[in-house]
Amino acid sequence: MRKRKCVVPLCSERVCRKCGYDLQGAAGDPICCPECGTTSSLAGLSVAEDRIGAALSYLEELPVLCVGISLIAITFFVLDMMFATPWSRIPVAGFIMVYWLLLVFRYARESSWGQGWYLIIIVFHLIGLLGVAFIMLVWWSAVSLLVYYGRGSGVHFGGAWVARACIGVLSVAALFTLIPFLYWRAKKFQARRQRHWAIRLAQQKSKHPKRQGVAPHSTEVYE
């Protein structure tokens, strides 16, 4: 087994490691940030594209987690309204929403309270709610058809049952085509708006564990 080095592409963009100021076009080595006065070498500002991708994935996880927490809170709220149980007196949904606020605050802080973080939160939530709506339509269509056939009416494709069946099929198709497409577009939207900040996060290797194994300039491959 021999070891060879595979060169990882480096990003040509330059961002201040401390304040995130755009240093593109700045001359000299080391470079002094005109915003905060931090001096950094060119080698210190260089960052691998793999690290930027990992940083973007890290930033993407937070709004996705916020969507999941929101859906869980809505589920508990609906259960509280539908069933009168002893645990329904506990404001579970309220506690979950407090955790949601903490996640939103963390995401806004990681995004330096800028770069459209609130728009990204809104877009991811809209996609999540749209996905839940399609899931509900699938269940509604399936239950309606099961109830109809359970009455012994036989197979009949006329009237409103055709519409229910079509709604179910279209909802399933949307879940496997439209929702993934919208999610992909949301990821592109987030990456385009937060790439600048992801570069700064990528320069700080200890910021999150996803970049611990990514080398800044090269990686070793065993054959």
Protein backbone atom coordinates (compact mmCIF):
# COMPACT_ATOMS: atom_id res chain seq x y z
CA MET A 1 0.00 0.00 0.00
CA ARG A 2 1.43 3.31 -1.01
CA LYS A 3 0.38 6.77 0.00
CA ARG A 4 -0.21 9.64 -2.38
CA LYS A 5 -1.36 13.20 -1.89
CA CYS A 6 -4.49 14.48 -3.53
CA VAL A 7 -4.62 18.27 -3.80
CA VAL A 8 -7.86 19.81 -2.54
CA PRO A 9 -9.06 22.90 -4.45
CA LEU A 10 -8.64 26.11 -2.49
CA CYS A 11 -11.12 28.95 -2.47
CA SER A 12 -9.83 32.14 -4.07
CA GLU A 13 -12.05 34.35 -1.91
CA ARG A 14 -10.54 36.08 1.11
CA VAL A 15 -12.48 36.84 4.29
CA CYS A 16 -11.26 38.28 7.58
CA ARG A 17 -11.07 35.53 10.17
CA LYS A 18 -12.29 37.82 12.96
CA CYS A 19 -15.05 40.05 11.57
CA GLY A 20 -15.82 38.41 8.21
CA TYR A 21 -14.95 41.51 6.18
CA ASP A 22 -14.46 40.86 2.46
CA LEU A 23 -10.73 41.13 1.72
CA GLN A 24 -11.04 40.25 -1.96
CA GLY A 25 -8.66 42.44 -3.92
CA ALA A 26 -6.58 43.41 -0.89
CA ALA A 27 -2.85 43.38 -1.64
CA GLY A 28 0.11 42.45 0.49
CA ASP A 29 1.12 39.57 2.72
CA PRO A 30 0.15 39.74 5.51
CA ILE A 31 -3.17 41.49 4.88
CA CYS A 32 -4.54 44.00 7.37
CA CYS A 33 -8.33 44.10 7.65
CA PRO A 34 -9.55 47.71 7.24
CA GLU A 35 -12.63 46.93 9.32
CA CYS A 36 -11.18 45.51 12.54
CA GLY A 37 -7.42 45.85 12.01
CA THR A 38 -6.71 42.11 12.24
CA THR A 39 -3.55 41.04 10.40
CA SER A 40 -3.65 37.68 8.62
CA SER A 41 -1.28 35.90 6.29
CA LEU A 42 -2.40 34.66 2.89
CA ALA A 43 -1.83 31.09 4.04
CA GLY A 44 -4.07 31.72 7.04
CA LEU A 45 -6.85 33.06 4.84
CA SER A 46 -6.68 30.15 2.39
CA VAL A 47 -9.40 27.58 2.92
CA ALA A 48 -10.32 24.38 1.09
CA GLU A 49 -13.60 24.08 -0.78
CA ASP A 50 -14.35 20.94 1.23
CA ARG A 51 -14.35 23.00 4.41
CA ILE A 52 -16.69 25.55 2.88
CA GLY A 53 -19.09 22.77 1.90
CA ALA A 54 -18.93 21.34 5.42
CA ALA A 55 -19.61 24.77 6.89
CA LEU A 56 -22.61 25.24 4.59
CA SER A 57 -23.93 21.83 5.66
CA TYR A 58 -23.54 22.88 9.28
CA LEU A 59 -25.46 26.10 8.64
CA GLU A 60 -28.11 24.14 6.74
CA GLU A 61 -28.73 21.73 9.62
CA LEU A 62 -29.92 24.48 11.95
CA PRO A 63 -32.96 25.70 9.91
CA VAL A 64 -33.87 22.08 9.08
CA LEU A 65 -33.82 21.29 12.80
CA CYS A 66 -35.97 24.36 13.45
CA VAL A 67 -38.53 23.04 10.97
CA GLY A 68 -38.58 19.66 12.70
CA ILE A 69 -39.06 21.29 16.11
CA SER A 70 -41.90 23.43 14.72
CA LEU A 71 -43.71 20.37 13.35
CA ILE A 72 -43.31 18.54 16.66
CA ALA A 73 -44.75 21.55 18.52
CA ILE A 74 -47.73 21.69 16.14
CA THR A 75 -48.32 17.95 16.64
CA PHE A 76 -48.35 18.29 20.43
CA PHE A 77 -50.66 21.31 20.20
CA VAL A 78 -53.15 19.41 18.03
CA LEU A 79 -53.06 16.44 20.42
CA ASP A 80 -53.71 18.78 23.34
CA MET A 81 -56.77 20.14 21.54
CA MET A 82 -58.14 16.73 20.52
CA PHE A 83 -57.53 14.60 23.61
CA ALA A 84 -58.11 15.58 27.24
CA THR A 85 -55.36 13.67 29.04
CA PRO A 86 -53.44 14.50 32.23
CA TRP A 87 -50.26 15.29 30.29
CA SER A 88 -52.19 17.78 28.14
CA ARG A 89 -52.17 20.20 31.07
CA ILE A 90 -48.41 20.49 30.71
CA PRO A 91 -47.52 23.12 28.08
CA VAL A 92 -45.32 20.73 26.11
CA ALA A 93 -45.73 22.74 22.92
CA GLY A 94 -44.63 25.87 24.77
CA PHE A 95 -41.45 24.22 26.03
CA ILE A 96 -40.71 22.96 22.52
CA MET A 97 -41.16 26.44 21.08
CA VAL A 98 -38.72 27.83 23.65
CA TYR A 99 -36.17 25.33 22.32
CA TRP A 100 -37.10 26.47 18.80
CA LEU A 101 -36.35 30.08 19.75
CA LEU A 102 -32.96 29.03 21.11
CA LEU A 103 -32.18 27.27 17.83
CA VAL A 104 -33.24 30.31 15.81
CA PHE A 105 -31.06 32.53 17.99
CA ARG A 106 -28.12 30.18 17.50
CA TYR A 107 -28.60 30.15 13.73
CA ALA A 108 -28.85 33.94 13.62
CA ARG A 109 -25.69 34.21 15.71
CA GLU A 110 -23.83 31.72 13.50
CA SER A 111 -24.91 33.82 10.52
CA SER A 112 -23.66 36.97 12.27
CA TRP A 113 -27.22 38.36 12.34
CA GLY A 114 -27.10 38.98 8.62
CA GLN A 115 -26.94 37.45 5.17
CA GLY A 116 -30.69 36.79 5.04
CA TRP A 117 -30.87 34.26 7.88
CA TYR A 118 -34.55 35.02 8.57
CA LEU A 119 -35.46 34.53 4.89
CA ILE A 120 -33.76 31.13 4.94
CA ILE A 121 -35.68 30.18 8.09
CA ILE A 122 -38.96 31.20 6.43
CA VAL A 123 -38.21 29.33 3.19
CA PHE A 124 -37.33 26.09 5.00
CA HIS A 125 -40.46 26.34 7.15
CA LEU A 126 -42.69 26.89 4.13
CA ILE A 127 -41.26 23.80 2.45
CA GLY A 128 -41.76 21.78 5.64
CA LEU A 129 -45.37 22.89 6.02
CA LEU A 130 -46.03 22.19 2.35
CA GLY A 131 -44.64 18.67 2.79
CA VAL A 132 -46.89 18.10 5.81
CA ALA A 133 -49.89 19.34 3.79
CA PHE A 134 -49.18 16.80 1.06
CA ILE A 135 -48.80 14.03 3.65
CA MET A 136 -52.18 14.96 5.14
CA LEU A 137 -53.74 14.88 1.70
CA VAL A 138 -52.33 11.40 1.11
CA TRP A 139 -53.75 10.14 4.42
CA TRP A 140 -57.10 11.81 3.76
CA SER A 141 -57.34 10.21 0.34
CA ALA A 142 -56.27 6.78 1.59
CA VAL A 143 -58.68 6.80 4.56
CA SER A 144 -61.56 7.99 2.38
CA LEU A 145 -61.04 5.19 -0.11
CA LEU A 146 -60.64 2.58 2.64
CA VAL A 147 -63.88 3.69 4.30
CA TYR A 148 -65.69 3.60 0.98
CA TYR A 149 -64.49 0.09 0.09
CA GLY A 150 -65.09 -1.11 3.65
CA ARG A 151 -68.78 -0.45 3.29
CA GLY A 152 -69.04 -3.14 0.64
CA SER A 153 -69.92 -0.78 -2.18
CA GLY A 154 -67.57 -2.57 -4.55
CA VAL A 155 -65.06 -1.03 -6.87
CA HIS A 156 -66.47 2.17 -8.24
CA PHE A 157 -64.44 4.93 -9.89
CA GLY A 158 -67.15 7.43 -10.49
CA GLY A 159 -68.19 10.56 -8.65
CA ALA A 160 -66.08 12.14 -5.92
CA TRP A 161 -63.94 9.05 -5.37
CA VAL A 162 -62.08 9.66 -8.59
CA ALA A 163 -61.15 13.12 -7.30
CA ARG A 164 -60.00 11.66 -3.96
CA ALA A 165 -57.87 9.06 -5.70
CA CYS A 166 -56.36 11.67 -8.04
CA ILE A 167 -55.57 13.95 -5.08
CA GLY A 168 -53.80 11.09 -3.34
CA VAL A 169 -51.74 10.17 -6.41
CA LEU A 170 -50.79 13.79 -7.09
CA SER A 171 -49.84 14.30 -3.45
CA VAL A 172 -47.57 11.24 -3.49
CA ALA A 173 -45.97 12.49 -6.70
CA ALA A 174 -45.44 15.92 -5.14
CA LEU A 175 -43.80 14.39 -2.08
CA PHE A 176 -41.24 12.59 -4.23
CA THR A 177 -40.68 15.29 -6.86
CA LEU A 178 -41.79 18.79 -5.85
CA ILE A 179 -40.63 18.72 -2.21
CA PRO A 180 -37.11 17.42 -3.00
CA PHE A 181 -36.81 19.99 -5.79
CA LEU A 182 -37.87 22.83 -3.49
CA TYR A 183 -35.49 21.59 -0.81
CA TRP A 184 -32.65 21.53 -3.33
CA ARG A 185 -33.52 25.07 -4.38
CA ALA A 186 -33.61 26.16 -0.72
CA LYS A 187 -30.13 24.69 -0.21
CA LYS A 188 -28.88 26.61 -3.24
CA PHE A 189 -30.52 29.77 -1.91
CA GLN A 190 -28.88 29.29 1.48
CA ALA A 191 -25.48 28.49 -0.04
CA ARG A 192 -25.59 31.54 -2.28
CA ARG A 193 -26.52 33.90 0.53
CA GLN A 194 -24.26 32.45 3.23
CA ARG A 195 -21.16 31.37 1.33
CA HIS A 196 -19.31 34.45 2.54
CA TRP A 197 -19.97 33.55 6.16
CA ALA A 198 -19.28 29.86 5.51
CA ILE A 199 -15.78 30.81 4.40
CA ARG A 200 -15.18 32.49 7.75
CA LEU A 201 -16.54 29.44 9.60
CA ALA A 202 -14.33 27.20 7.47
CA GLN A 203 -11.28 29.17 8.57
CA GLN A 204 -12.06 28.24 12.18
CA LYS A 205 -11.48 24.50 12.25
CA SER A 206 -12.60 24.12 15.87
CA LYS A 207 -15.92 25.84 15.22
CA HIS A 208 -17.80 22.60 14.63
CA PRO A 209 -16.80 18.91 14.38
CA LYS A 210 -17.72 18.37 10.74
CA ARG A 211 -14.50 19.95 9.53
CA GLN A 212 -12.16 18.21 11.96
CA GLY A 213 -11.03 15.65 9.40
CA VAL A 214 -10.73 18.02 6.43
CA ALA A 215 -7.20 19.14 5.69
CA PRO A 216 -6.74 22.78 4.63
CA HIS A 217 -4.51 22.20 1.61
CA SER A 218 -4.24 18.50 0.81
CA THR A 219 -5.40 15.10 1.90
CA GLU A 220 -3.65 11.73 1.94
CA VAL A 221 -5.13 8.79 0.07
CA TYR A 222 -3.99 5.17 0.50
CA GLU A 223 -3.97 2.81 -2.44
